[in-house]
């Protein structure tokens, strides 16, 4: 299965009878899946269709779907509500008898709510039904285009993530080969430190110091962390190769990478090893940021 990004954009349009319409779909990152639909009056029943189809094809991301519909070759009817107008005129006459006021103007009267009524043209049931069917098909087309765009971006993300995993593996190998973590190097550093302490005072127990040195050397060993990093590298490659909606799994794996690399840095007692660990930490953070875009 292909990888998919959670971001994308698609648009589709069409016409049916007196109607022209356009869908605009936009998806952004989210922890789960959510479809937010804006529909004009008369097309509300399409929301169920849109949510069903989107739920079948997408598993993560917030998708905003906006439908615009226009009716051509049909003019709205404008009429004056005589009852409301007469009531307004009577009220104006009463007020004029009490105060010195200018007589209401025509544009002022027409601006009063309810005086002018705009009646939309009556629709034909068969035309409306055919239009809703065509709009639903246009949504499916826009959704397919959105899915395709998310897959294209997902392919690019997969290549980036693979590069980051390769970099983590290379840095882990560099850390493993660092001269400073060799037993001989650790032993030499500890011996120097112990010798310096013994030279400054005769109160130190050499046997006790040697035991403490062995304990410190054991705690400084990052063999276990390097093994787990290698395991995470293998898991990441397997997931990326398998594809599908793996964003949550890779996000968890990124946290595990981060934990092991942090431990390597905290255990390090060699500047070269510390620098390698910091470089690895930077790559892991880049990996995690890219994973946030993945479905």
C-alpha atoms as a PDB file:
ATOM      1  CA  UNK A   1       0.000   0.000   0.000  1.00  0.00           C
ATOM      2  CA  UNK A   2       1.083   3.545  -0.718  1.00  0.00           C
ATOM      3  CA  UNK A   3       1.856   6.099   1.937  1.00  0.00           C
ATOM      4  CA  UNK A   4      -0.415   9.130   2.125  1.00  0.00           C
ATOM      5  CA  UNK A   5       0.057  12.623   3.437  1.00  0.00           C
ATOM      6  CA  UNK A   6      -2.720  14.250   5.454  1.00  0.00           C
ATOM      7  CA  UNK A   7      -2.550  17.473   3.423  1.00  0.00           C
ATOM      8  CA  UNK A   8      -4.083  17.974   0.007  1.00  0.00           C
ATOM      9  CA  UNK A   9      -6.418  20.014  -2.165  1.00  0.00           C
ATOM     10  CA  UNK A  10      -8.892  19.149  -4.923  1.00  0.00           C
ATOM     11  CA  UNK A  11     -11.641  20.825  -6.895  1.00  0.00           C
ATOM     12  CA  UNK A  12     -14.348  19.547  -9.248  1.00  0.00           C
ATOM     13  CA  UNK A  13     -17.240  21.241 -11.022  1.00  0.00           C
ATOM     14  CA  UNK A  14     -20.143  20.408 -13.275  1.00  0.00           C
ATOM     15  CA  UNK A  15     -23.652  21.259 -14.401  1.00  0.00           C
ATOM     16  CA  UNK A  16     -27.065  19.618 -14.362  1.00  0.00           C
ATOM     17  CA  UNK A  17     -30.172  21.215 -15.825  1.00  0.00           C
ATOM     18  CA  UNK A  18     -30.334  24.820 -14.639  1.00  0.00           C
ATOM     19  CA  UNK A  19     -27.671  24.230 -11.962  1.00  0.00           C
ATOM     20  CA  UNK A  20     -23.914  24.745 -12.058  1.00  0.00           C
ATOM     21  CA  UNK A  21     -21.839  23.633  -9.089  1.00  0.00           C
ATOM     22  CA  UNK A  22     -18.323  23.347  -7.716  1.00  0.00           C
ATOM     23  CA  UNK A  23     -16.758  21.302  -4.928  1.00  0.00           C
ATOM     24  CA  UNK A  24     -13.607  22.443  -3.129  1.00  0.00           C
ATOM     25  CA  UNK A  25     -11.876  19.982  -0.801  1.00  0.00           C
ATOM     26  CA  UNK A  26      -8.933  20.778   1.474  1.00  0.00           C
ATOM     27  CA  UNK A  27      -7.355  18.462   4.051  1.00  0.00           C
ATOM     28  CA  UNK A  28      -4.963  19.298   6.889  1.00  0.00           C
ATOM     29  CA  UNK A  29      -3.180  17.392   9.655  1.00  0.00           C
ATOM     30  CA  UNK A  30      -5.203  16.004  12.561  1.00  0.00           C
ATOM     31  CA  UNK A  31      -4.941  13.242  15.147  1.00  0.00           C
ATOM     32  CA  UNK A  32      -8.059  11.529  13.796  1.00  0.00           C
ATOM     33  CA  UNK A  33     -10.444  11.875  10.846  1.00  0.00           C
ATOM     34  CA  UNK A  34     -13.046  14.606  10.547  1.00  0.00           C
ATOM     35  CA  UNK A  35     -15.051  15.802   7.542  1.00  0.00           C
ATOM     36  CA  UNK A  36     -16.568  19.286   7.757  1.00  0.00           C
ATOM     37  CA  UNK A  37     -19.083  19.974   5.000  1.00  0.00           C
ATOM     38  CA  UNK A  38     -20.663  23.275   3.954  1.00  0.00           C
ATOM     39  CA  UNK A  39     -23.728  22.801   1.760  1.00  0.00           C
ATOM     40  CA  UNK A  40     -26.234  25.290   0.310  1.00  0.00           C
ATOM     41  CA  UNK A  41     -29.935  24.986   1.027  1.00  0.00           C
ATOM     42  CA  UNK A  42     -31.583  22.114  -0.787  1.00  0.00           C
ATOM     43  CA  UNK A  43     -28.460  19.931  -0.858  1.00  0.00           C
ATOM     44  CA  UNK A  44     -28.254  18.986   2.829  1.00  0.00           C
ATOM     45  CA  UNK A  45     -28.934  15.314   2.163  1.00  0.00           C
ATOM     46  CA  UNK A  46     -25.544  15.021   0.427  1.00  0.00           C
ATOM     47  CA  UNK A  47     -23.714  15.302   3.752  1.00  0.00           C
ATOM     48  CA  UNK A  48     -24.387  11.647   4.588  1.00  0.00           C
ATOM     49  CA  UNK A  49     -23.058  10.544   1.185  1.00  0.00           C
ATOM     50  CA  UNK A  50     -19.947  12.708   1.554  1.00  0.00           C
ATOM     51  CA  UNK A  51     -19.124  11.397   5.035  1.00  0.00           C
ATOM     52  CA  UNK A  52     -19.646   7.779   3.994  1.00  0.00           C
ATOM     53  CA  UNK A  53     -17.395   8.024   0.922  1.00  0.00           C
ATOM     54  CA  UNK A  54     -14.674  10.038   2.687  1.00  0.00           C
ATOM     55  CA  UNK A  55     -14.690   7.638   5.640  1.00  0.00           C
ATOM     56  CA  UNK A  56     -14.104   4.722   3.263  1.00  0.00           C
ATOM     57  CA  UNK A  57     -11.009   6.284   1.686  1.00  0.00           C
ATOM     58  CA  UNK A  58      -9.412   8.368   4.449  1.00  0.00           C
ATOM     59  CA  UNK A  59      -8.377   7.468   7.985  1.00  0.00           C
ATOM     60  CA  UNK A  60      -6.731  10.664   9.287  1.00  0.00           C
ATOM     61  CA  UNK A  61      -6.847  14.390   8.670  1.00  0.00           C
ATOM     62  CA  UNK A  62      -9.469  17.108   8.855  1.00  0.00           C
ATOM     63  CA  UNK A  63     -11.145  17.589   5.474  1.00  0.00           C
ATOM     64  CA  UNK A  64     -13.049  20.773   4.652  1.00  0.00           C
ATOM     65  CA  UNK A  65     -15.578  20.255   1.838  1.00  0.00           C
ATOM     66  CA  UNK A  66     -17.353  23.309   0.441  1.00  0.00           C
ATOM     67  CA  UNK A  67     -20.103  23.123  -2.198  1.00  0.00           C
ATOM     68  CA  UNK A  68     -21.144  26.152  -4.257  1.00  0.00           C
ATOM     69  CA  UNK A  69     -24.313  25.892  -6.363  1.00  0.00           C
ATOM     70  CA  UNK A  70     -25.762  28.448  -8.786  1.00  0.00           C
ATOM     71  CA  UNK A  71     -29.031  28.275 -10.680  1.00  0.00           C
ATOM     72  CA  UNK A  72     -28.946  29.762 -14.174  1.00  0.00           C
ATOM     73  CA  UNK A  73     -31.761  30.937 -16.491  1.00  0.00           C
ATOM     74  CA  UNK A  74     -34.124  31.477 -13.587  1.00  0.00           C
ATOM     75  CA  UNK A  75     -34.728  34.949 -12.194  1.00  0.00           C
ATOM     76  CA  UNK A  76     -35.987  35.506  -8.684  1.00  0.00           C
ATOM     77  CA  UNK A  77     -39.359  37.248  -8.234  1.00  0.00           C
ATOM     78  CA  UNK A  78     -39.503  40.487  -6.260  1.00  0.00           C
ATOM     79  CA  UNK A  79     -42.806  41.712  -4.815  1.00  0.00           C
ATOM     80  CA  UNK A  80     -43.947  44.277  -2.270  1.00  0.00           C
ATOM     81  CA  UNK A  81     -45.831  42.948   0.716  1.00  0.00           C
ATOM     82  CA  UNK A  82     -48.800  45.340   0.710  1.00  0.00           C
ATOM     83  CA  UNK A  83     -49.949  44.412   4.205  1.00  0.00           C
ATOM     84  CA  UNK A  84     -46.568  45.153   5.750  1.00  0.00           C
ATOM     85  CA  UNK A  85     -46.174  48.376   3.720  1.00  0.00           C
ATOM     86  CA  UNK A  86     -49.607  49.696   4.765  1.00  0.00           C
ATOM     87  CA  UNK A  87     -48.851  48.914   8.412  1.00  0.00           C
ATOM     88  CA  UNK A  88     -45.560  50.829   8.143  1.00  0.00           C
ATOM     89  CA  UNK A  89     -47.290  53.815   6.509  1.00  0.00           C
ATOM     90  CA  UNK A  90     -49.961  53.927   9.206  1.00  0.00           C
ATOM     91  CA  UNK A  91     -47.277  53.842  11.902  1.00  0.00           C
ATOM     92  CA  UNK A  92     -45.395  56.620  10.097  1.00  0.00           C
ATOM     93  CA  UNK A  93     -48.553  58.768   9.960  1.00  0.00           C
ATOM     94  CA  UNK A  94     -49.124  58.345  13.691  1.00  0.00           C
ATOM     95  CA  UNK A  95     -45.548  59.333  14.484  1.00  0.00           C
ATOM     96  CA  UNK A  96     -45.719  62.311  12.099  1.00  0.00           C
ATOM     97  CA  UNK A  97     -48.773  63.612  14.019  1.00  0.00           C
ATOM     98  CA  UNK A  98     -46.798  63.668  17.237  1.00  0.00           C
ATOM     99  CA  UNK A  99     -43.416  64.948  16.162  1.00  0.00           C
ATOM    100  CA  UNK A 100     -42.059  67.143  13.430  1.00  0.00           C
ATOM    101  CA  UNK A 101     -40.575  64.530  11.121  1.00  0.00           C
ATOM    102  CA  UNK A 102     -39.731  64.206   7.450  1.00  0.00           C
ATOM    103  CA  UNK A 103     -42.019  61.892   5.493  1.00  0.00           C
ATOM    104  CA  UNK A 104     -40.473  58.488   4.790  1.00  0.00           C
ATOM    105  CA  UNK A 105     -38.740  58.112   1.433  1.00  0.00           C
ATOM    106  CA  UNK A 106     -39.348  55.267  -0.990  1.00  0.00           C
ATOM    107  CA  UNK A 107     -35.875  53.782  -0.538  1.00  0.00           C
ATOM    108  CA  UNK A 108     -36.294  54.038   3.220  1.00  0.00           C
ATOM    109  CA  UNK A 109     -39.567  52.128   3.087  1.00  0.00           C
ATOM    110  CA  UNK A 110     -38.141  49.444   0.822  1.00  0.00           C
ATOM    111  CA  UNK A 111     -35.227  48.947   3.206  1.00  0.00           C
ATOM    112  CA  UNK A 112     -37.566  47.958   6.035  1.00  0.00           C
ATOM    113  CA  UNK A 113     -37.476  44.222   6.625  1.00  0.00           C
ATOM    114  CA  UNK A 114     -40.590  42.462   5.295  1.00  0.00           C
ATOM    115  CA  UNK A 115     -41.703  45.201   2.912  1.00  0.00           C
ATOM    116  CA  UNK A 116     -39.890  43.620  -0.032  1.00  0.00           C
ATOM    117  CA  UNK A 117     -39.989  39.859  -0.505  1.00  0.00           C
ATOM    118  CA  UNK A 118     -37.683  37.964  -2.832  1.00  0.00           C
ATOM    119  CA  UNK A 119     -39.105  34.633  -3.960  1.00  0.00           C
ATOM    120  CA  UNK A 120     -36.726  32.128  -5.431  1.00  0.00           C
ATOM    121  CA  UNK A 121     -37.996  30.396  -8.564  1.00  0.00           C
ATOM    122  CA  UNK A 122     -39.795  27.159  -7.917  1.00  0.00           C
ATOM    123  CA  UNK A 123     -37.668  24.165  -8.775  1.00  0.00           C
ATOM    124  CA  UNK A 124     -38.630  21.124 -10.746  1.00  0.00           C
ATOM    125  CA  UNK A 125     -38.439  17.980  -8.602  1.00  0.00           C
ATOM    126  CA  UNK A 126     -36.873  15.866 -11.332  1.00  0.00           C
ATOM    127  CA  UNK A 127     -34.307  18.550 -12.152  1.00  0.00           C
ATOM    128  CA  UNK A 128     -33.409  18.928  -8.474  1.00  0.00           C
ATOM    129  CA  UNK A 129     -33.026  15.160  -8.039  1.00  0.00           C
ATOM    130  CA  UNK A 130     -30.792  14.912 -11.105  1.00  0.00           C
ATOM    131  CA  UNK A 131     -28.704  17.841  -9.832  1.00  0.00           C
ATOM    132  CA  UNK A 132     -28.160  16.202  -6.433  1.00  0.00           C
ATOM    133  CA  UNK A 133     -27.043  13.001  -8.158  1.00  0.00           C
ATOM    134  CA  UNK A 134     -24.600  14.931 -10.348  1.00  0.00           C
ATOM    135  CA  UNK A 135     -23.272  16.859  -7.334  1.00  0.00           C
ATOM    136  CA  UNK A 136     -22.701  13.585  -5.438  1.00  0.00           C
ATOM    137  CA  UNK A 137     -20.739  12.201  -8.402  1.00  0.00           C
ATOM    138  CA  UNK A 138     -18.687  15.397  -8.536  1.00  0.00           C
ATOM    139  CA  UNK A 139     -17.870  14.979  -4.849  1.00  0.00           C
ATOM    140  CA  UNK A 140     -16.607  11.447  -5.545  1.00  0.00           C
ATOM    141  CA  UNK A 141     -14.406  12.853  -8.315  1.00  0.00           C
ATOM    142  CA  UNK A 142     -12.984  15.590  -6.075  1.00  0.00           C
ATOM    143  CA  UNK A 143     -12.415  13.066  -3.283  1.00  0.00           C
ATOM    144  CA  UNK A 144     -10.540  10.720  -5.650  1.00  0.00           C
ATOM    145  CA  UNK A 145      -8.330  13.624  -6.754  1.00  0.00           C
ATOM    146  CA  UNK A 146      -7.698  14.549  -3.126  1.00  0.00           C
ATOM    147  CA  UNK A 147      -6.710  10.969  -2.290  1.00  0.00           C
ATOM    148  CA  UNK A 148      -4.380  10.892  -5.295  1.00  0.00           C
ATOM    149  CA  UNK A 149      -2.695  14.140  -4.267  1.00  0.00           C
ATOM    150  CA  UNK A 150      -2.245  12.871  -0.713  1.00  0.00           C
ATOM    151  CA  UNK A 151      -0.631   9.711  -2.109  1.00  0.00           C
ATOM    152  CA  UNK A 152       1.793  11.721  -4.240  1.00  0.00           C
ATOM    153  CA  UNK A 153       2.834  13.733  -1.207  1.00  0.00           C
ATOM    154  CA  UNK A 154       2.987  10.506   0.797  1.00  0.00           C
ATOM    155  CA  UNK A 155       5.467   9.058  -1.690  1.00  0.00           C
ATOM    156  CA  UNK A 156       7.733  12.081  -1.196  1.00  0.00           C
ATOM    157  CA  UNK A 157       7.361  11.783   2.583  1.00  0.00           C
ATOM    158  CA  UNK A 158       8.311   8.112   2.405  1.00  0.00           C
ATOM    159  CA  UNK A 159      11.547   8.976   0.600  1.00  0.00           C
ATOM    160  CA  UNK A 160      12.392  11.643   3.183  1.00  0.00           C
ATOM    161  CA  UNK A 161      11.626   9.317   6.099  1.00  0.00           C
ATOM    162  CA  UNK A 162      13.750   6.555   4.566  1.00  0.00           C
ATOM    163  CA  UNK A 163      16.671   8.995   4.274  1.00  0.00           C
ATOM    164  CA  UNK A 164      16.291   9.986   7.923  1.00  0.00           C
ATOM    165  CA  UNK A 165      16.221   6.340   9.030  1.00  0.00           C
ATOM    166  CA  UNK A 166      19.380   5.689   6.994  1.00  0.00           C
ATOM    167  CA  UNK A 167      21.065   8.653   8.689  1.00  0.00           C
ATOM    168  CA  UNK A 168      20.091   7.371  12.142  1.00  0.00           C
ATOM    169  CA  UNK A 169      21.554   3.968  11.286  1.00  0.00           C
ATOM    170  CA  UNK A 170      24.810   5.497  10.047  1.00  0.00           C
ATOM    171  CA  UNK A 171      25.175   7.663  13.139  1.00  0.00           C
ATOM    172  CA  UNK A 172      24.419   4.685  15.397  1.00  0.00           C
ATOM    173  CA  UNK A 173      27.204   2.741  13.676  1.00  0.00           C
ATOM    174  CA  UNK A 174      29.506   5.731  14.122  1.00  0.00           C
ATOM    175  CA  UNK A 175      28.640   5.806  17.818  1.00  0.00           C
ATOM    176  CA  UNK A 176      29.327   2.100  18.122  1.00  0.00           C
ATOM    177  CA  UNK A 177      32.719   2.499  16.485  1.00  0.00           C
ATOM    178  CA  UNK A 178      33.677   5.566  18.533  1.00  0.00           C
ATOM    179  CA  UNK A 179      37.113   4.973  20.108  1.00  0.00           C
ATOM    180  CA  UNK A 180      35.936   6.570  23.344  1.00  0.00           C
ATOM    181  CA  UNK A 181      33.465   3.769  24.115  1.00  0.00           C
ATOM    182  CA  UNK A 182      35.976   0.955  23.730  1.00  0.00           C
ATOM    183  CA  UNK A 183      36.673  -0.849  27.018  1.00  0.00           C
ATOM    184  CA  UNK A 184      40.350  -0.010  26.752  1.00  0.00           C
ATOM    185  CA  UNK A 185      39.643   3.711  26.419  1.00  0.00           C
ATOM    186  CA  UNK A 186      37.167   3.696  29.316  1.00  0.00           C
ATOM    187  CA  UNK A 187      39.627   1.765  31.446  1.00  0.00           C
ATOM    188  CA  UNK A 188      42.458   4.178  30.634  1.00  0.00           C
ATOM    189  CA  UNK A 189      40.368   7.246  31.534  1.00  0.00           C
ATOM    190  CA  UNK A 190      39.219   5.729  34.792  1.00  0.00           C
ATOM    191  CA  UNK A 191      42.754   4.660  35.649  1.00  0.00           C
ATOM    192  CA  UNK A 192      43.991   8.204  35.137  1.00  0.00           C
ATOM    193  CA  UNK A 193      41.252   9.608  37.332  1.00  0.00           C
ATOM    194  CA  UNK A 194      41.857   7.049  40.064  1.00  0.00           C
ATOM    195  CA  UNK A 195      45.591   7.652  39.967  1.00  0.00           C
ATOM    196  CA  UNK A 196      45.062  11.376  40.296  1.00  0.00           C
ATOM    197  CA  UNK A 197      42.835  10.848  43.327  1.00  0.00           C
ATOM    198  CA  UNK A 198      45.282   8.485  44.999  1.00  0.00           C
ATOM    199  CA  UNK A 199      48.124  10.939  44.467  1.00  0.00           C
ATOM    200  CA  UNK A 200      46.257  13.706  46.236  1.00  0.00           C
ATOM    201  CA  UNK A 201      45.317  11.730  49.337  1.00  0.00           C
ATOM    202  CA  UNK A 202      46.159   8.526  51.171  1.00  0.00           C
ATOM    203  CA  UNK A 203      42.638   8.156  52.555  1.00  0.00           C
ATOM    204  CA  UNK A 204      41.205   6.484  49.446  1.00  0.00           C
ATOM    205  CA  UNK A 205      40.681   2.721  49.409  1.00  0.00           C
ATOM    206  CA  UNK A 206      42.087   1.542  46.063  1.00  0.00           C
ATOM    207  CA  UNK A 207      39.907  -1.612  46.040  1.00  0.00           C
ATOM    208  CA  UNK A 208      36.801   0.421  46.721  1.00  0.00           C
ATOM    209  CA  UNK A 209      37.719   2.878  43.988  1.00  0.00           C
ATOM    210  CA  UNK A 210      38.231   0.040  41.529  1.00  0.00           C
ATOM    211  CA  UNK A 211      34.758  -1.351  42.292  1.00  0.00           C
ATOM    212  CA  UNK A 212      33.235   2.077  41.759  1.00  0.00           C
ATOM    213  CA  UNK A 213      35.146   2.432  38.500  1.00  0.00           C
ATOM    214  CA  UNK A 214      33.774  -0.882  37.231  1.00  0.00           C
ATOM    215  CA  UNK A 215      30.251   0.237  38.158  1.00  0.00           C
ATOM    216  CA  UNK A 216      30.714   3.558  36.332  1.00  0.00           C
ATOM    217  CA  UNK A 217      32.031   1.781  33.260  1.00  0.00           C
ATOM    218  CA  UNK A 218      29.027  -0.532  33.257  1.00  0.00           C
ATOM    219  CA  UNK A 219      26.600   2.367  33.490  1.00  0.00           C
ATOM    220  CA  UNK A 220      28.390   4.177  30.672  1.00  0.00           C
ATOM    221  CA  UNK A 221      27.909   1.260  28.277  1.00  0.00           C
ATOM    222  CA  UNK A 222      25.385   2.128  25.510  1.00  0.00           C
ATOM    223  CA  UNK A 223      25.304  -1.338  23.942  1.00  0.00           C
ATOM    224  CA  UNK A 224      21.673  -1.869  24.957  1.00  0.00           C
ATOM    225  CA  UNK A 225      20.568   1.498  23.566  1.00  0.00           C
ATOM    226  CA  UNK A 226      22.363   0.896  20.261  1.00  0.00           C
ATOM    227  CA  UNK A 227      20.677  -2.496  19.938  1.00  0.00           C
ATOM    228  CA  UNK A 228      17.255  -0.946  20.477  1.00  0.00           C
ATOM    229  CA  UNK A 229      17.998   1.814  17.948  1.00  0.00           C
ATOM    230  CA  UNK A 230      18.904  -0.885  15.411  1.00  0.00           C
ATOM    231  CA  UNK A 231      15.599  -2.617  16.174  1.00  0.00           C
ATOM    232  CA  UNK A 232      13.674   0.652  15.698  1.00  0.00           C
ATOM    233  CA  UNK A 233      15.455   1.234  12.381  1.00  0.00           C
ATOM    234  CA  UNK A 234      14.328  -2.201  11.160  1.00  0.00           C
ATOM    235  CA  UNK A 235      10.739  -1.561  12.317  1.00  0.00           C
ATOM    236  CA  UNK A 236      10.632   1.857  10.641  1.00  0.00           C
ATOM    237  CA  UNK A 237      11.825   0.416   7.335  1.00  0.00           C
ATOM    238  CA  UNK A 238       9.275  -2.384   7.532  1.00  0.00           C
ATOM    239  CA  UNK A 239       6.415   0.040   8.217  1.00  0.00           C
ATOM    240  CA  UNK A 240       7.441   2.444   5.446  1.00  0.00           C
ATOM    241  CA  UNK A 241       7.785  -0.469   3.021  1.00  0.00           C
ATOM    242  CA  UNK A 242       4.364  -1.839   3.981  1.00  0.00           C
ATOM    243  CA  UNK A 243       2.671   1.560   3.568  1.00  0.00           C
ATOM    244  CA  UNK A 244      -0.921   2.402   4.425  1.00  0.00           C
ATOM    245  CA  UNK A 245      -2.043   4.582   7.350  1.00  0.00           C
ATOM    246  CA  UNK A 246       1.051   4.152   9.525  1.00  0.00           C
ATOM    247  CA  UNK A 247       1.413   7.707  10.851  1.00  0.00           C
ATOM    248  CA  UNK A 248       0.471   6.849  14.449  1.00  0.00           C
ATOM    249  CA  UNK A 249       2.834   3.862  14.560  1.00  0.00           C
ATOM    250  CA  UNK A 250       5.736   5.876  13.194  1.00  0.00           C
ATOM    251  CA  UNK A 251       4.984   8.675  15.637  1.00  0.00           C
ATOM    252  CA  UNK A 252       5.279   6.201  18.524  1.00  0.00           C
ATOM    253  CA  UNK A 253       8.485   4.839  16.998  1.00  0.00           C
ATOM    254  CA  UNK A 254       9.891   8.371  16.771  1.00  0.00           C
ATOM    255  CA  UNK A 255       9.313   8.766  20.505  1.00  0.00           C
ATOM    256  CA  UNK A 256      11.183   5.514  21.136  1.00  0.00           C
ATOM    257  CA  UNK A 257      14.066   6.694  18.936  1.00  0.00           C
ATOM    258  CA  UNK A 258      14.174   9.921  20.922  1.00  0.00           C
ATOM    259  CA  UNK A 259      14.262   8.089  24.252  1.00  0.00           C
ATOM    260  CA  UNK A 260      17.176   5.838  23.285  1.00  0.00           C
ATOM    261  CA  UNK A 261      19.202   8.659  21.738  1.00  0.00           C
ATOM    262  CA  UNK A 262      18.717  10.798  24.845  1.00  0.00           C
ATOM    263  CA  UNK A 263      19.977   7.940  26.988  1.00  0.00           C
ATOM    264  CA  UNK A 264      23.038   7.572  24.759  1.00  0.00           C
ATOM    265  CA  UNK A 265      23.805  11.263  25.212  1.00  0.00           C
ATOM    266  CA  UNK A 266      23.344  11.131  28.991  1.00  0.00           C
ATOM    267  CA  UNK A 267      25.636   8.097  29.322  1.00  0.00           C
ATOM    268  CA  UNK A 268      28.344   9.485  27.086  1.00  0.00           C
ATOM    269  CA  UNK A 269      31.648  10.357  28.730  1.00  0.00           C
ATOM    270  CA  UNK A 270      33.445  11.075  25.471  1.00  0.00           C
ATOM    271  CA  UNK A 271      33.116  14.283  23.452  1.00  0.00           C
ATOM    272  CA  UNK A 272      33.075  12.526  20.068  1.00  0.00           C
ATOM    273  CA  UNK A 273      30.346  10.173  21.232  1.00  0.00           C
ATOM    274  CA  UNK A 274      28.368  13.123  22.635  1.00  0.00           C
ATOM    275  CA  UNK A 275      28.574  14.985  19.330  1.00  0.00           C
ATOM    276  CA  UNK A 276      27.428  11.884  17.454  1.00  0.00           C
ATOM    277  CA  UNK A 277      24.511  11.495  19.852  1.00  0.00           C
ATOM    278  CA  UNK A 278      23.485  15.131  19.384  1.00  0.00           C
ATOM    279  CA  UNK A 279      23.615  14.726  15.597  1.00  0.00           C
ATOM    280  CA  UNK A 280      21.452  11.613  15.895  1.00  0.00           C
ATOM    281  CA  UNK A 281      19.012  13.503  18.115  1.00  0.00           C
ATOM    282  CA  UNK A 282      18.676  16.201  15.446  1.00  0.00           C
ATOM    283  CA  UNK A 283      17.916  13.627  12.738  1.00  0.00           C
ATOM    284  CA  UNK A 284      15.348  11.896  14.948  1.00  0.00           C
ATOM    285  CA  UNK A 285      13.605  15.234  15.491  1.00  0.00           C
ATOM    286  CA  UNK A 286      13.474  15.791  11.722  1.00  0.00           C
ATOM    287  CA  UNK A 287      12.034  12.284  11.349  1.00  0.00           C
ATOM    288  CA  UNK A 288       9.364  13.028  13.964  1.00  0.00           C
ATOM    289  CA  UNK A 289       8.376  16.330  12.325  1.00  0.00           C
ATOM    290  CA  UNK A 290       7.851  14.646   8.936  1.00  0.00           C
ATOM    291  CA  UNK A 291       5.863  11.822  10.509  1.00  0.00           C
ATOM    292  CA  UNK A 292       3.336  14.406  11.745  1.00  0.00           C
ATOM    293  CA  UNK A 293       2.268  14.928   8.109  1.00  0.00           C
ATOM    294  CA  UNK A 294       1.641  11.227   7.447  1.00  0.00           C
ATOM    295  CA  UNK A 295      -1.785   9.612   7.471  1.00  0.00           C
END
